[in-house]
Protein backbone atom coordinates (compact mmCIF):
# COMPACT_ATOMS: atom_id res chain seq x y z
CA MET A 1 -84.36 -27.66 157.53
CA THR A 2 -82.09 -25.20 159.31
CA LEU A 3 -83.28 -22.09 161.07
CA ALA A 4 -81.39 -19.89 158.60
CA ARG A 5 -83.14 -21.56 155.67
CA LYS A 6 -86.54 -21.02 157.30
CA LEU A 7 -85.63 -17.37 157.86
CA TRP A 8 -84.71 -16.87 154.20
CA ILE A 9 -87.90 -18.60 153.04
CA GLY A 10 -89.91 -16.31 155.33
CA MET A 11 -88.09 -13.24 154.02
CA GLY A 12 -88.74 -14.36 150.45
CA ALA A 13 -92.44 -14.75 151.22
CA LEU A 14 -92.53 -11.24 152.71
CA ILE A 15 -90.80 -9.84 149.63
CA VAL A 16 -93.37 -11.47 147.34
CA LEU A 17 -96.24 -10.27 149.55
CA SER A 18 -94.96 -6.67 149.76
CA PRO A 19 -97.19 -5.41 146.91
CA LEU A 20 -100.24 -6.13 149.10
CA GLY A 21 -99.65 -2.68 150.60
CA LEU A 22 -100.31 -1.29 147.14
CA ILE A 23 -102.95 -3.72 145.89
CA LEU A 24 -105.31 -3.82 148.90
CA PRO A 25 -105.82 -0.04 149.25
CA GLU A 26 -106.44 0.11 145.48
CA GLN A 27 -108.87 -2.81 145.62
CA PHE A 28 -110.89 -1.39 148.52
CA LYS A 29 -110.61 2.26 147.38
CA SER A 30 -109.22 3.20 150.79
CA GLY A 31 -106.60 5.74 149.75
CA LYS A 32 -103.02 5.60 150.92
CA ALA A 33 -101.76 2.99 153.37
CA TRP A 34 -101.91 4.01 157.04
CA GLY A 35 -99.00 6.22 158.00
CA GLU A 36 -97.77 6.89 154.45
CA TRP A 37 -99.26 10.34 154.28
CA GLY A 38 -97.54 13.41 152.93
CA LEU A 39 -98.10 16.99 154.01
CA ASP A 40 -101.10 17.38 151.69
CA GLU A 41 -102.86 14.26 153.04
CA ILE A 42 -102.31 15.38 156.65
CA GLN A 43 -103.73 18.80 155.76
CA LYS A 44 -106.84 17.19 154.23
CA MET A 45 -107.40 14.81 157.16
CA THR A 46 -106.79 17.15 160.09
CA GLY A 47 -107.15 20.65 158.69
CA TYR A 48 -103.59 21.62 159.60
CA VAL A 49 -100.02 20.36 159.45
CA PRO A 50 -98.13 20.03 162.76
CA GLN A 51 -95.22 22.47 162.93
CA GLY A 52 -92.56 19.82 163.64
CA PHE A 53 -93.81 17.59 160.84
CA GLN A 54 -93.68 20.47 158.38
CA ARG A 55 -90.17 21.48 159.52
CA LEU A 56 -88.75 17.95 159.29
CA SER A 57 -90.60 16.75 156.18
CA GLY A 58 -87.74 17.66 153.83
CA LEU A 59 -85.06 16.01 155.96
CA TRP A 60 -85.09 12.67 154.11
CA LYS A 61 -85.64 11.98 150.43
CA ALA A 62 -86.30 8.31 149.66
CA PRO A 63 -84.01 6.72 147.05
CA LEU A 64 -87.03 4.97 145.49
CA HIS A 65 -89.81 7.54 145.93
CA ASP A 66 -93.16 5.77 146.43
CA TYR A 67 -91.22 2.49 145.99
CA ALA A 68 -91.15 3.12 142.22
CA PHE A 69 -88.40 3.76 139.73
CA GLN A 70 -88.11 7.19 138.17
CA GLY A 71 -90.65 7.46 135.36
CA TRP A 72 -92.78 4.56 136.65
CA GLU A 73 -95.09 6.66 138.82
CA GLY A 74 -97.92 6.66 136.25
CA LYS A 75 -97.53 3.03 135.20
CA GLY A 76 -100.05 0.34 136.02
CA LEU A 77 -100.43 -1.82 139.08
CA VAL A 78 -98.26 -4.62 137.65
CA HIS A 79 -95.27 -2.30 137.14
CA LEU A 80 -95.67 -0.77 140.59
CA SER A 81 -96.00 -4.21 142.18
CA PHE A 82 -92.75 -5.24 140.52
CA ALA A 83 -91.11 -2.05 141.85
CA TYR A 84 -92.36 -2.91 145.38
CA ILE A 85 -90.76 -6.35 145.13
CA ILE A 86 -87.46 -4.88 143.90
CA SER A 87 -87.55 -2.25 146.68
CA ALA A 88 -88.11 -4.94 149.31
CA PHE A 89 -85.30 -7.06 147.90
CA VAL A 90 -82.86 -4.11 147.79
CA GLY A 91 -83.79 -3.06 151.34
CA ILE A 92 -83.30 -6.55 152.74
CA ALA A 93 -80.02 -6.95 150.83
CA ILE A 94 -78.66 -3.67 152.23
CA ILE A 95 -79.69 -4.49 155.81
CA THR A 96 -78.28 -8.02 155.54
CA GLY A 97 -75.01 -6.71 154.12
CA VAL A 98 -74.61 -4.10 156.85
CA ALA A 99 -75.43 -6.65 159.57
CA PHE A 100 -72.93 -9.10 158.06
CA ILE A 101 -70.17 -6.48 157.99
CA ILE A 102 -70.90 -5.38 161.57
CA GLY A 103 -70.85 -9.03 162.66
CA LYS A 104 -67.46 -9.60 161.00
CA VAL A 105 -66.02 -6.50 162.65
CA LEU A 106 -67.32 -7.52 166.09
CA VAL A 107 -65.96 -11.06 165.73
CA LYS A 108 -62.50 -9.71 164.82
CA GLU A 109 -62.55 -7.43 167.87
CA HIS A 110 -63.14 -10.42 170.18
CA ASP A 111 -60.37 -12.57 168.67
């Protein structure tokens, strides 16, 4: 088995396991995953919102907010798990495509 094949199998396993970030906090009633807090969660946890965090919080809007499709926010765990898997697949596909294009450009520069 080639190294590339092992890499793709590992990536596939990570894609399938990506809903664990949604399932485990739900199962253990632990709230949001560590580091995925919004302004309101930071306010509740610390009593204030850091000035820089508040200023920069609107800088980036995720294409798949909460890893879900528009209108799926209130759906059950199965729908959200499927959305996590699709989000992981799309993210890996975009990164792989960009890396492939950059690699092609760099190889042409050296020829």
